[in-house]
């Protein structure tokens, strides 16, 4: 997957998360980011990685996000791997 595609997926996931107020609030609490910062940091790789990490913690979120955005769930995982420079652990 190309970097640009991974970034596109992450930005789409941000939009998906923003439509779920409770999840967005939980992400902001976990990440330490503030709602007022989102526009200015949305394109930062570290923010995108943290966002995808958060979504990837729950299978239901991954499935819902991927379905709503028109991706396969494994594409969210691949995007996270690209954005994180391949630092994602694999347990298989």
PDB file of N, CA and C in Angstrom:
ATOM      1  N   UNK A   1       0.848  -1.176   0.000  1.00  0.00           N
ATOM      2  CA  UNK A   1       0.000   0.000   0.000  1.00  0.00           C
ATOM      3  C   UNK A   1       0.893   1.239   0.000  1.00  0.00           C
ATOM      4  N   UNK A   2       0.498   2.203  -0.791  1.00  0.00           N
ATOM      5  CA  UNK A   2       1.235   3.469  -0.863  1.00  0.00           C
ATOM      6  C   UNK A   2       0.928   4.350   0.351  1.00  0.00           C
ATOM      7  N   UNK A   3       1.864   5.205   0.691  1.00  0.00           N
ATOM      8  CA  UNK A   3       1.713   6.145   1.806  1.00  0.00           C
ATOM      9  C   UNK A   3       0.466   7.008   1.619  1.00  0.00           C
ATOM     10  N   UNK A   4       0.251   7.487   0.406  1.00  0.00           N
ATOM     11  CA  UNK A   4      -0.894   8.353   0.124  1.00  0.00           C
ATOM     12  C   UNK A   4      -2.217   7.630   0.384  1.00  0.00           C
ATOM     13  N   UNK A   5      -2.263   6.357   0.021  1.00  0.00           N
ATOM     14  CA  UNK A   5      -3.477   5.567   0.248  1.00  0.00           C
ATOM     15  C   UNK A   5      -3.707   5.366   1.739  1.00  0.00           C
ATOM     16  N   UNK A   6      -2.641   5.085   2.462  1.00  0.00           N
ATOM     17  CA  UNK A   6      -2.742   4.908   3.915  1.00  0.00           C
ATOM     18  C   UNK A   6      -3.240   6.187   4.578  1.00  0.00           C
ATOM     19  N   UNK A   7      -2.737   7.322   4.129  1.00  0.00           N
ATOM     20  CA  UNK A   7      -3.180   8.606   4.681  1.00  0.00           C
ATOM     21  C   UNK A   7      -4.650   8.860   4.355  1.00  0.00           C
ATOM     22  N   UNK A   8      -5.063   8.508   3.150  1.00  0.00           N
ATOM     23  CA  UNK A   8      -6.466   8.665   2.753  1.00  0.00           C
ATOM     24  C   UNK A   8      -7.374   7.814   3.641  1.00  0.00           C
ATOM     25  N   UNK A   9      -6.954   6.593   3.909  1.00  0.00           N
ATOM     26  CA  UNK A   9      -7.734   5.716   4.787  1.00  0.00           C
ATOM     27  C   UNK A   9      -7.805   6.308   6.190  1.00  0.00           C
ATOM     28  N   UNK A  10      -6.691   6.797   6.699  1.00  0.00           N
ATOM     29  CA  UNK A  10      -6.670   7.371   8.049  1.00  0.00           C
ATOM     30  C   UNK A  10      -7.568   8.601   8.140  1.00  0.00           C
ATOM     31  N   UNK A  11      -7.542   9.452   7.138  1.00  0.00           N
ATOM     32  CA  UNK A  11      -8.401  10.638   7.154  1.00  0.00           C
ATOM     33  C   UNK A  11      -9.871  10.246   7.053  1.00  0.00           C
ATOM     34  N   UNK A  12     -10.166   9.225   6.268  1.00  0.00           N
ATOM     35  CA  UNK A  12     -11.535   8.720   6.208  1.00  0.00           C
ATOM     36  C   UNK A  12     -11.967   8.163   7.556  1.00  0.00           C
ATOM     37  N   UNK A  13     -11.045   7.463   8.215  1.00  0.00           N
ATOM     38  CA  UNK A  13     -11.340   6.910   9.539  1.00  0.00           C
ATOM     39  C   UNK A  13     -11.580   8.020  10.551  1.00  0.00           C
ATOM     40  N   UNK A  14     -10.860   9.128  10.402  1.00  0.00           N
ATOM     41  CA  UNK A  14     -11.093  10.277  11.280  1.00  0.00           C
ATOM     42  C   UNK A  14     -12.509  10.812  11.085  1.00  0.00           C
ATOM     43  N   UNK A  15     -12.925  10.915   9.844  1.00  0.00           N
ATOM     44  CA  UNK A  15     -14.291  11.355   9.563  1.00  0.00           C
ATOM     45  C   UNK A  15     -15.314  10.393  10.146  1.00  0.00           C
ATOM     46  N   UNK A  16     -15.037   9.105  10.010  1.00  0.00           N
ATOM     47  CA  UNK A  16     -15.930   8.082  10.570  1.00  0.00           C
ATOM     48  C   UNK A  16     -16.011   8.247  12.084  1.00  0.00           C
ATOM     49  N   UNK A  17     -14.866   8.405  12.725  1.00  0.00           N
ATOM     50  CA  UNK A  17     -14.822   8.549  14.176  1.00  0.00           C
ATOM     51  C   UNK A  17     -15.525   9.825  14.628  1.00  0.00           C
ATOM     52  N   UNK A  18     -15.354  10.905  13.872  1.00  0.00           N
ATOM     53  CA  UNK A  18     -15.980  12.179  14.223  1.00  0.00           C
ATOM     54  C   UNK A  18     -17.500  12.081  14.211  1.00  0.00           C
ATOM     55  N   UNK A  19     -18.032  11.159  13.443  1.00  0.00           N
ATOM     56  CA  UNK A  19     -19.471  10.957  13.400  1.00  0.00           C
ATOM     57  C   UNK A  19     -20.005  10.144  14.564  1.00  0.00           C
ATOM     58  N   UNK A  20     -19.117   9.708  15.423  1.00  0.00           N
ATOM     59  CA  UNK A  20     -19.493   8.926  16.606  1.00  0.00           C
ATOM     60  C   UNK A  20     -18.945   9.648  17.834  1.00  0.00           C
ATOM     61  N   UNK A  21     -19.745  10.552  18.348  1.00  0.00           N
ATOM     62  CA  UNK A  21     -19.298  11.470  19.397  1.00  0.00           C
ATOM     63  C   UNK A  21     -18.658  10.757  20.582  1.00  0.00           C
ATOM     64  N   UNK A  22     -19.261   9.673  21.043  1.00  0.00           N
ATOM     65  CA  UNK A  22     -18.708   8.962  22.203  1.00  0.00           C
ATOM     66  C   UNK A  22     -17.336   8.372  21.897  1.00  0.00           C
ATOM     67  N   UNK A  23     -17.182   7.818  20.695  1.00  0.00           N
ATOM     68  CA  UNK A  23     -15.888   7.256  20.316  1.00  0.00           C
ATOM     69  C   UNK A  23     -14.843   8.348  20.129  1.00  0.00           C
ATOM     70  N   UNK A  24     -15.241   9.439  19.515  1.00  0.00           N
ATOM     71  CA  UNK A  24     -14.301  10.545  19.337  1.00  0.00           C
ATOM     72  C   UNK A  24     -13.823  11.058  20.689  1.00  0.00           C
ATOM     73  N   UNK A  25     -14.736  11.207  21.614  1.00  0.00           N
ATOM     74  CA  UNK A  25     -14.366  11.675  22.953  1.00  0.00           C
ATOM     75  C   UNK A  25     -13.416  10.685  23.625  1.00  0.00           C
ATOM     76  N   UNK A  26     -13.687   9.394  23.473  1.00  0.00           N
ATOM     77  CA  UNK A  26     -12.804   8.377  24.053  1.00  0.00           C
ATOM     78  C   UNK A  26     -11.418   8.442  23.417  1.00  0.00           C
ATOM     79  N   UNK A  27     -11.365   8.592  22.101  1.00  0.00           N
ATOM     80  CA  UNK A  27     -10.075   8.703  21.422  1.00  0.00           C
ATOM     81  C   UNK A  27      -9.303   9.927  21.907  1.00  0.00           C
ATOM     82  N   UNK A  28      -9.978  11.048  22.005  1.00  0.00           N
ATOM     83  CA  UNK A  28      -9.311  12.261  22.470  1.00  0.00           C
ATOM     84  C   UNK A  28      -8.772  12.081  23.884  1.00  0.00           C
ATOM     85  N   UNK A  29      -9.530  11.418  24.736  1.00  0.00           N
ATOM     86  CA  UNK A  29      -9.075  11.170  26.107  1.00  0.00           C
ATOM     87  C   UNK A  29      -7.843  10.280  26.129  1.00  0.00           C
ATOM     88  N   UNK A  30      -7.843   9.248  25.307  1.00  0.00           N
ATOM     89  CA  UNK A  30      -6.720   8.312  25.267  1.00  0.00           C
ATOM     90  C   UNK A  30      -5.485   8.948  24.636  1.00  0.00           C
ATOM     91  N   UNK A  31      -5.699   9.712  23.584  1.00  0.00           N
ATOM     92  CA  UNK A  31      -4.568  10.271  22.828  1.00  0.00           C
ATOM     93  C   UNK A  31      -3.988  11.534  23.459  1.00  0.00           C
ATOM     94  N   UNK A  32      -4.783  12.211  24.258  1.00  0.00           N
ATOM     95  CA  UNK A  32      -4.336  13.474  24.834  1.00  0.00           C
ATOM     96  C   UNK A  32      -4.551  14.664  23.917  1.00  0.00           C
ATOM     97  N   UNK A  33      -5.091  14.397  22.733  1.00  0.00           N
ATOM     98  CA  UNK A  33      -5.380  15.485  21.788  1.00  0.00           C
ATOM     99  C   UNK A  33      -6.652  16.200  22.227  1.00  0.00           C
ATOM    100  N   UNK A  34      -6.811  17.415  21.745  1.00  0.00           N
ATOM    101  CA  UNK A  34      -8.017  18.178  22.024  1.00  0.00           C
ATOM    102  C   UNK A  34      -8.773  18.387  20.721  1.00  0.00           C
ATOM    103  N   UNK A  35     -10.082  18.481  20.825  1.00  0.00           N
ATOM    104  CA  UNK A  35     -10.918  18.645  19.631  1.00  0.00           C
ATOM    105  C   UNK A  35     -10.480  19.850  18.805  1.00  0.00           C
ATOM    106  N   UNK A  36     -10.050  20.901  19.462  1.00  0.00           N
ATOM    107  CA  UNK A  36      -9.636  22.112  18.751  1.00  0.00           C
ATOM    108  C   UNK A  36      -8.346  21.911  17.948  1.00  0.00           C
ATOM    109  N   UNK A  37      -7.598  20.864  18.232  1.00  0.00           N
ATOM    110  CA  UNK A  37      -6.342  20.592  17.545  1.00  0.00           C
ATOM    111  C   UNK A  37      -6.513  19.722  16.301  1.00  0.00           C
ATOM    112  N   UNK A  38      -7.632  19.049  16.172  1.00  0.00           N
ATOM    113  CA  UNK A  38      -7.767  18.012  15.160  1.00  0.00           C
ATOM    114  C   UNK A  38      -7.441  18.514  13.760  1.00  0.00           C
ATOM    115  N   UNK A  39      -7.973  19.648  13.382  1.00  0.00           N
ATOM    116  CA  UNK A  39      -7.709  20.156  12.024  1.00  0.00           C
ATOM    117  C   UNK A  39      -6.220  20.378  11.779  1.00  0.00           C
ATOM    118  N   UNK A  40      -5.525  20.865  12.752  1.00  0.00           N
ATOM    119  CA  UNK A  40      -4.113  21.177  12.549  1.00  0.00           C
ATOM    120  C   UNK A  40      -3.205  19.949  12.610  1.00  0.00           C
ATOM    121  N   UNK A  41      -3.636  18.883  13.254  1.00  0.00           N
ATOM    122  CA  UNK A  41      -2.776  17.697  13.383  1.00  0.00           C
ATOM    123  C   UNK A  41      -3.272  16.493  12.586  1.00  0.00           C
ATOM    124  N   UNK A  42      -4.383  16.622  11.899  1.00  0.00           N
ATOM    125  CA  UNK A  42      -4.995  15.484  11.202  1.00  0.00           C
ATOM    126  C   UNK A  42      -4.077  14.843  10.165  1.00  0.00           C
ATOM    127  N   UNK A  43      -3.208  15.608   9.567  1.00  0.00           N
ATOM    128  CA  UNK A  43      -2.317  15.066   8.527  1.00  0.00           C
ATOM    129  C   UNK A  43      -0.969  14.586   9.076  1.00  0.00           C
ATOM    130  N   UNK A  44      -0.779  14.697  10.374  1.00  0.00           N
ATOM    131  CA  UNK A  44       0.469  14.212  10.978  1.00  0.00           C
ATOM    132  C   UNK A  44       0.428  12.694  11.079  1.00  0.00           C
ATOM    133  N   UNK A  45       1.514  12.075  10.667  1.00  0.00           N
ATOM    134  CA  UNK A  45       1.581  10.618  10.656  1.00  0.00           C
ATOM    135  C   UNK A  45       1.357  10.024  12.041  1.00  0.00           C
ATOM    136  N   UNK A  46       1.919  10.625  13.059  1.00  0.00           N
ATOM    137  CA  UNK A  46       1.750  10.108  14.419  1.00  0.00           C
ATOM    138  C   UNK A  46       0.297  10.125  14.865  1.00  0.00           C
ATOM    139  N   UNK A  47      -0.406  11.180  14.514  1.00  0.00           N
ATOM    140  CA  UNK A  47      -1.818  11.274  14.851  1.00  0.00           C
ATOM    141  C   UNK A  47      -2.616  10.215  14.101  1.00  0.00           C
ATOM    142  N   UNK A  48      -2.335  10.067  12.814  1.00  0.00           N
ATOM    143  CA  UNK A  48      -3.042   9.078  12.006  1.00  0.00           C
ATOM    144  C   UNK A  48      -2.787   7.663  12.521  1.00  0.00           C
ATOM    145  N   UNK A  49      -1.553   7.392  12.911  1.00  0.00           N
ATOM    146  CA  UNK A  49      -1.212   6.086  13.461  1.00  0.00           C
ATOM    147  C   UNK A  49      -1.982   5.835  14.756  1.00  0.00           C
ATOM    148  N   UNK A  50      -2.006   6.816  15.638  1.00  0.00           N
ATOM    149  CA  UNK A  50      -2.728   6.677  16.905  1.00  0.00           C
ATOM    150  C   UNK A  50      -4.220   6.476  16.668  1.00  0.00           C
ATOM    151  N   UNK A  51      -4.757   7.182  15.697  1.00  0.00           N
ATOM    152  CA  UNK A  51      -6.171   7.053  15.364  1.00  0.00           C
ATOM    153  C   UNK A  51      -6.497   5.636  14.907  1.00  0.00           C
ATOM    154  N   UNK A  52      -5.688   5.114  13.991  1.00  0.00           N
ATOM    155  CA  UNK A  52      -5.927   3.751  13.516  1.00  0.00           C
ATOM    156  C   UNK A  52      -5.677   2.735  14.624  1.00  0.00           C
ATOM    157  N   UNK A  53      -4.671   2.957  15.454  1.00  0.00           N
ATOM    158  CA  UNK A  53      -4.449   2.068  16.603  1.00  0.00           C
ATOM    159  C   UNK A  53      -5.695   1.995  17.472  1.00  0.00           C
ATOM    160  N   UNK A  54      -6.302   3.145  17.724  1.00  0.00           N
ATOM    161  CA  UNK A  54      -7.501   3.200  18.551  1.00  0.00           C
ATOM    162  C   UNK A  54      -8.634   2.390  17.915  1.00  0.00           C
ATOM    163  N   UNK A  55      -8.888   2.604  16.657  1.00  0.00           N
ATOM    164  CA  UNK A  55      -9.968   1.883  15.973  1.00  0.00           C
ATOM    165  C   UNK A  55      -9.685   0.383  15.942  1.00  0.00           C
ATOM    166  N   UNK A  56      -8.430   0.026  15.753  1.00  0.00           N
ATOM    167  CA  UNK A  56      -8.065  -1.383  15.652  1.00  0.00           C
ATOM    168  C   UNK A  56      -8.164  -2.149  16.966  1.00  0.00           C
ATOM    169  N   UNK A  57      -8.458  -1.453  18.062  1.00  0.00           N
ATOM    170  CA  UNK A  57      -8.591  -2.154  19.344  1.00  0.00           C
ATOM    171  C   UNK A  57      -9.896  -2.923  19.460  1.00  0.00           C
ATOM    172  N   UNK A  58     -10.867  -2.611  18.622  1.00  0.00           N
ATOM    173  CA  UNK A  58     -12.173  -3.278  18.698  1.00  0.00           C
ATOM    174  C   UNK A  58     -12.560  -3.797  17.315  1.00  0.00           C
ATOM    175  N   UNK A  59     -12.759  -5.096  17.213  1.00  0.00           N
ATOM    176  CA  UNK A  59     -13.132  -5.688  15.929  1.00  0.00           C
ATOM    177  C   UNK A  59     -14.371  -5.029  15.337  1.00  0.00           C
ATOM    178  N   UNK A  60     -15.351  -4.749  16.165  1.00  0.00           N
ATOM    179  CA  UNK A  60     -16.606  -4.156  15.669  1.00  0.00           C
ATOM    180  C   UNK A  60     -16.342  -2.780  15.048  1.00  0.00           C
ATOM    181  N   UNK A  61     -15.442  -2.006  15.637  1.00  0.00           N
ATOM    182  CA  UNK A  61     -15.120  -0.689  15.080  1.00  0.00           C
ATOM    183  C   UNK A  61     -14.426  -0.835  13.734  1.00  0.00           C
ATOM    184  N   UNK A  62     -13.505  -1.788  13.656  1.00  0.00           N
ATOM    185  CA  UNK A  62     -12.778  -2.020  12.403  1.00  0.00           C
ATOM    186  C   UNK A  62     -13.764  -2.385  11.298  1.00  0.00           C
ATOM    187  N   UNK A  63     -14.644  -3.305  11.604  1.00  0.00           N
ATOM    188  CA  UNK A  63     -15.616  -3.770  10.607  1.00  0.00           C
ATOM    189  C   UNK A  63     -16.547  -2.637  10.200  1.00  0.00           C
ATOM    190  N   UNK A  64     -17.073  -1.911  11.173  1.00  0.00           N
ATOM    191  CA  UNK A  64     -17.995  -0.808  10.870  1.00  0.00           C
ATOM    192  C   UNK A  64     -17.302   0.298  10.073  1.00  0.00           C
ATOM    193  N   UNK A  65     -16.111   0.669  10.497  1.00  0.00           N
ATOM    194  CA  UNK A  65     -15.378   1.732   9.817  1.00  0.00           C
ATOM    195  C   UNK A  65     -15.058   1.323   8.386  1.00  0.00           C
ATOM    196  N   UNK A  66     -14.519   0.134   8.222  1.00  0.00           N
ATOM    197  CA  UNK A  66     -14.166  -0.337   6.884  1.00  0.00           C
ATOM    198  C   UNK A  66     -15.397  -0.403   5.983  1.00  0.00           C
ATOM    199  N   UNK A  67     -16.469  -0.930   6.502  1.00  0.00           N
ATOM    200  CA  UNK A  67     -17.695  -1.054   5.709  1.00  0.00           C
ATOM    201  C   UNK A  67     -18.221   0.324   5.313  1.00  0.00           C
ATOM    202  N   UNK A  68     -18.256   1.247   6.260  1.00  0.00           N
ATOM    203  CA  UNK A  68     -18.775   2.587   5.974  1.00  0.00           C
ATOM    204  C   UNK A  68     -17.906   3.345   4.970  1.00  0.00           C
ATOM    205  N   UNK A  69     -16.601   3.069   4.980  1.00  0.00           N
ATOM    206  CA  UNK A  69     -15.680   3.776   4.086  1.00  0.00           C
ATOM    207  C   UNK A  69     -15.450   3.036   2.763  1.00  0.00           C
ATOM    208  N   UNK A  70     -15.974   1.820   2.657  1.00  0.00           N
ATOM    209  CA  UNK A  70     -15.809   1.058   1.428  1.00  0.00           C
ATOM    210  C   UNK A  70     -14.473   0.343   1.305  1.00  0.00           C
ATOM    211  N   UNK A  71     -13.874   0.003   2.448  1.00  0.00           N
ATOM    212  CA  UNK A  71     -12.613  -0.738   2.462  1.00  0.00           C
ATOM    213  C   UNK A  71     -12.844  -2.115   3.076  1.00  0.00           C
ATOM    214  N   UNK A  72     -11.877  -2.986   2.872  1.00  0.00           N
ATOM    215  CA  UNK A  72     -11.860  -4.253   3.600  1.00  0.00           C
ATOM    216  C   UNK A  72     -11.203  -3.989   4.955  1.00  0.00           C
ATOM    217  N   UNK A  73     -11.576  -4.703   5.998  1.00  0.00           N
ATOM    218  CA  UNK A  73     -10.950  -4.486   7.304  1.00  0.00           C
ATOM    219  C   UNK A  73      -9.425  -4.601   7.272  1.00  0.00           C
ATOM    220  N   UNK A  74      -8.901  -5.518   6.469  1.00  0.00           N
ATOM    221  CA  UNK A  74      -7.451  -5.676   6.429  1.00  0.00           C
ATOM    222  C   UNK A  74      -6.755  -4.462   5.802  1.00  0.00           C
ATOM    223  N   UNK A  75      -7.494  -3.644   5.069  1.00  0.00           N
ATOM    224  CA  UNK A  75      -6.902  -2.435   4.514  1.00  0.00           C
ATOM    225  C   UNK A  75      -6.640  -1.395   5.606  1.00  0.00           C
ATOM    226  N   UNK A  76      -7.458  -1.380   6.649  1.00  0.00           N
ATOM    227  CA  UNK A  76      -7.186  -0.503   7.785  1.00  0.00           C
ATOM    228  C   UNK A  76      -5.914  -0.957   8.492  1.00  0.00           C
ATOM    229  N   UNK A  77      -5.757  -2.269   8.632  1.00  0.00           N
ATOM    230  CA  UNK A  77      -4.553  -2.821   9.255  1.00  0.00           C
ATOM    231  C   UNK A  77      -3.325  -2.478   8.412  1.00  0.00           C
ATOM    232  N   UNK A  78      -3.447  -2.631   7.098  1.00  0.00           N
ATOM    233  CA  UNK A  78      -2.329  -2.325   6.200  1.00  0.00           C
ATOM    234  C   UNK A  78      -1.980  -0.842   6.255  1.00  0.00           C
ATOM    235  N   UNK A  79      -2.991   0.015   6.308  1.00  0.00           N
ATOM    236  CA  UNK A  79      -2.741   1.451   6.402  1.00  0.00           C
ATOM    237  C   UNK A  79      -1.976   1.770   7.682  1.00  0.00           C
ATOM    238  N   UNK A  80      -2.366   1.153   8.766  1.00  0.00           N
ATOM    239  CA  UNK A  80      -1.673   1.368  10.048  1.00  0.00           C
ATOM    240  C   UNK A  80      -0.211   0.934   9.948  1.00  0.00           C
ATOM    241  N   UNK A  81       0.022  -0.194   9.299  1.00  0.00           N
ATOM    242  CA  UNK A  81       1.391  -0.691   9.153  1.00  0.00           C
ATOM    243  C   UNK A  81       2.236   0.273   8.328  1.00  0.00           C
ATOM    244  N   UNK A  82       1.676   0.796   7.259  1.00  0.00           N
ATOM    245  CA  UNK A  82       2.411   1.743   6.409  1.00  0.00           C
ATOM    246  C   UNK A  82       2.707   3.023   7.177  1.00  0.00           C
ATOM    247  N   UNK A  83       1.710   3.561   7.847  1.00  0.00           N
ATOM    248  CA  UNK A  83       1.895   4.823   8.570  1.00  0.00           C
ATOM    249  C   UNK A  83       2.863   4.677   9.728  1.00  0.00           C
ATOM    250  N   UNK A  84       2.883   3.510  10.333  1.00  0.00           N
ATOM    251  CA  UNK A  84       3.781   3.276  11.466  1.00  0.00           C
ATOM    252  C   UNK A  84       5.153   2.780  11.057  1.00  0.00           C
ATOM    253  N   UNK A  85       5.406   2.743   9.757  1.00  0.00           N
ATOM    254  CA  UNK A  85       6.716   2.294   9.299  1.00  0.00           C
ATOM    255  C   UNK A  85       6.938   0.814   9.523  1.00  0.00           C
ATOM    256  N   UNK A  86       5.857   0.044   9.608  1.00  0.00           N
ATOM    257  CA  UNK A  86       5.964  -1.403   9.789  1.00  0.00           C
ATOM    258  C   UNK A  86       6.191  -1.818  11.222  1.00  0.00           C
ATOM    259  N   UNK A  87       5.939  -0.927  12.183  1.00  0.00           N
ATOM    260  CA  UNK A  87       6.219  -1.247  13.587  1.00  0.00           C
ATOM    261  C   UNK A  87       5.112  -2.030  14.274  1.00  0.00           C
ATOM    262  N   UNK A  88       4.076  -2.375  13.550  1.00  0.00           N
ATOM    263  CA  UNK A  88       2.942  -3.065  14.154  1.00  0.00           C
ATOM    264  C   UNK A  88       3.292  -4.521  14.442  1.00  0.00           C
ATOM    265  N   UNK A  89       2.941  -4.991  15.635  1.00  0.00           N
ATOM    266  CA  UNK A  89       3.219  -6.368  16.005  1.00  0.00           C
ATOM    267  C   UNK A  89       2.193  -7.301  15.390  1.00  0.00           C
ATOM    268  N   UNK A  90       2.650  -8.453  14.981  1.00  0.00           N
ATOM    269  CA  UNK A  90       1.767  -9.481  14.434  1.00  0.00           C
ATOM    270  C   UNK A  90       1.833 -10.700  15.346  1.00  0.00           C
ATOM    271  N   UNK A  91       0.683 -11.190  15.739  1.00  0.00           N
ATOM    272  CA  UNK A  91       0.626 -12.303  16.686  1.00  0.00           C
ATOM    273  C   UNK A  91       0.347 -13.627  16.005  1.00  0.00           C
ATOM    274  N   UNK A  92       0.353 -13.644  14.677  1.00  0.00           N
ATOM    275  CA  UNK A  92       0.075 -14.895  13.967  1.00  0.00           C
ATOM    276  C   UNK A  92       1.344 -15.592  13.557  1.00  0.00           C
TER     277      UNK A  92
END
